[in-house]
Amino acid sequence: MSVHRVVPNAQVRPEELEQSREFYGLLGLEQVMNQGWIMTLASPSVPTAQVSFLTEDATAPVVPDLSIEVADVDAVHEAVLASGAEIVHTLRDEAWGVRRFFARDPGGRVVNVLGHC
């Protein structure tokens, strides 16, 4: 299994999106995506160094604690299913170009496992 990046997700109130962008901009992060309900900031020099801020998840029942982008989301999904881990959000293709599912880790954290379509 090949991991491309791991991104922490922070749940914020809608009015905190802009405040977060400004604050983390002071630390050198720049906005690379903004869907209105999720905004991702990244380092210009190390683009895989990212953090996402979510007011909600537009198509899922919960906001995940972190996101892990993998090379083969279907293979990871099969492995997670075989392990007996809880699937919180079923495997699906999303309109913004990712294929993803959510699983609960042993500590109760919700992990968004995704790959780009």
Protein backbone atom coordinates (compact mmCIF):
# COMPACT_ATOMS: atom_id res chain seq x y z
CA MET A 1 0.00 0.00 0.00
CA SER A 2 1.43 3.35 -1.04
CA VAL A 3 0.55 6.50 0.92
CA HIS A 4 0.80 9.84 -0.88
CA ARG A 5 -0.03 12.14 2.04
CA VAL A 6 -1.62 12.35 5.48
CA VAL A 7 -3.70 15.44 6.26
CA PRO A 8 -5.07 16.42 9.67
CA ASN A 9 -8.66 17.71 9.54
CA ALA A 10 -9.89 20.38 11.94
CA GLN A 11 -13.60 21.02 12.36
CA VAL A 12 -14.38 24.74 12.53
CA ARG A 13 -17.40 27.00 12.52
CA PRO A 14 -18.11 28.63 9.12
CA GLU A 15 -16.84 32.03 10.29
CA GLU A 16 -13.53 30.43 11.31
CA LEU A 17 -12.55 29.34 7.78
CA GLU A 18 -11.28 32.80 6.80
CA GLN A 19 -9.71 33.34 10.23
CA SER A 20 -7.88 30.01 9.90
CA ARG A 21 -6.65 30.89 6.41
CA GLU A 22 -5.27 34.19 7.69
CA PHE A 23 -3.64 32.68 10.80
CA TYR A 24 -2.02 29.72 9.03
CA GLY A 25 -0.96 32.09 6.26
CA LEU A 26 1.24 33.77 8.87
CA LEU A 27 2.94 30.36 9.25
CA GLY A 28 3.58 30.09 5.51
CA LEU A 29 0.63 27.94 4.39
CA GLU A 30 -1.37 28.90 1.31
CA GLN A 31 -4.89 27.95 0.28
CA VAL A 32 -4.87 25.17 -2.32
CA MET A 33 -8.56 24.21 -2.21
CA ASN A 34 -11.79 25.77 -0.97
CA GLN A 35 -15.16 24.07 -1.51
CA GLY A 36 -16.98 26.37 0.92
CA TRP A 37 -17.34 23.61 3.52
CA ILE A 38 -13.73 22.39 3.34
CA MET A 39 -10.58 24.43 2.85
CA THR A 40 -7.09 22.97 2.51
CA LEU A 41 -3.89 24.90 3.12
CA ALA A 42 -0.45 23.68 2.07
CA SER A 43 3.19 24.62 2.18
CA PRO A 44 4.33 26.06 -1.17
CA SER A 45 7.74 24.40 -0.77
CA VAL A 46 6.41 21.01 0.43
CA PRO A 47 2.95 20.65 -1.16
CA THR A 48 2.13 17.44 0.73
CA ALA A 49 2.45 19.31 4.06
CA GLN A 50 -1.22 20.20 4.45
CA VAL A 51 -4.04 20.83 6.89
CA SER A 52 -7.76 20.92 6.10
CA PHE A 53 -10.50 22.85 7.88
CA LEU A 54 -14.08 21.59 7.61
CA THR A 55 -17.35 23.14 8.75
CA GLU A 56 -19.06 19.85 7.88
CA ASP A 57 -18.60 17.06 5.39
CA ALA A 58 -21.00 17.73 2.54
CA THR A 59 -21.63 14.06 1.68
CA ALA A 60 -20.71 12.11 4.82
CA PRO A 61 -22.30 11.64 8.24
CA VAL A 62 -19.30 12.96 10.24
CA VAL A 63 -16.21 15.12 9.86
CA PRO A 64 -13.18 12.81 9.69
CA ASP A 65 -10.27 13.36 12.07
CA LEU A 66 -7.68 12.88 9.34
CA SER A 67 -7.38 12.04 5.67
CA ILE A 68 -4.94 9.60 4.12
CA GLU A 69 -4.46 9.67 0.36
CA VAL A 70 -3.42 6.28 -0.99
CA ALA A 71 -2.42 5.00 -4.42
CA ASP A 72 -5.12 2.30 -4.56
CA VAL A 73 -8.18 3.15 -2.48
CA ASP A 74 -10.01 -0.01 -3.58
CA ALA A 75 -7.21 -2.28 -2.31
CA VAL A 76 -7.09 -0.43 1.00
CA HIS A 77 -10.89 -0.67 1.28
CA GLU A 78 -10.69 -4.45 0.81
CA ALA A 79 -7.97 -4.73 3.47
CA VAL A 80 -9.92 -2.61 5.95
CA LEU A 81 -13.11 -4.62 5.34
CA ALA A 82 -11.20 -7.88 5.82
CA SER A 83 -9.82 -6.59 9.13
CA GLY A 84 -13.33 -6.13 10.51
CA ALA A 85 -12.88 -2.41 11.13
CA GLU A 86 -16.03 -0.29 11.12
CA ILE A 87 -16.81 1.44 7.83
CA VAL A 88 -18.36 4.79 8.76
CA HIS A 89 -18.93 6.07 5.20
CA THR A 90 -19.16 3.64 2.29
CA LEU A 91 -16.76 3.60 -0.65
CA ARG A 92 -17.87 6.05 -3.33
CA ASP A 93 -16.77 8.49 -6.01
CA GLU A 94 -17.32 12.12 -5.04
CA ALA A 95 -18.16 14.96 -7.43
CA TRP A 96 -14.91 16.81 -6.66
CA GLY A 97 -12.72 14.05 -8.08
CA VAL A 98 -11.92 11.66 -5.25
CA ARG A 99 -12.88 8.08 -4.47
CA ARG A 100 -13.11 7.61 -0.72
CA PHE A 101 -14.47 5.84 2.33
CA PHE A 102 -14.30 6.48 6.09
CA ALA A 103 -13.18 3.87 8.62
CA ARG A 104 -12.95 4.04 12.41
CA ASP A 105 -9.50 3.29 13.85
CA PRO A 106 -9.00 1.31 17.10
CA GLY A 107 -8.93 4.57 19.11
CA GLY A 108 -12.27 5.73 17.70
CA ARG A 109 -10.90 8.30 15.25
CA VAL A 110 -12.57 8.51 11.85
CA VAL A 111 -10.13 8.23 8.94
CA ASN A 112 -11.02 9.47 5.45
CA VAL A 113 -9.18 7.13 3.05
CA LEU A 114 -9.10 8.59 -0.45
CA GLY A 115 -7.57 8.44 -3.87
CA HIS A 116 -7.95 10.81 -6.78
CA CYS A 117 -10.13 9.57 -9.65
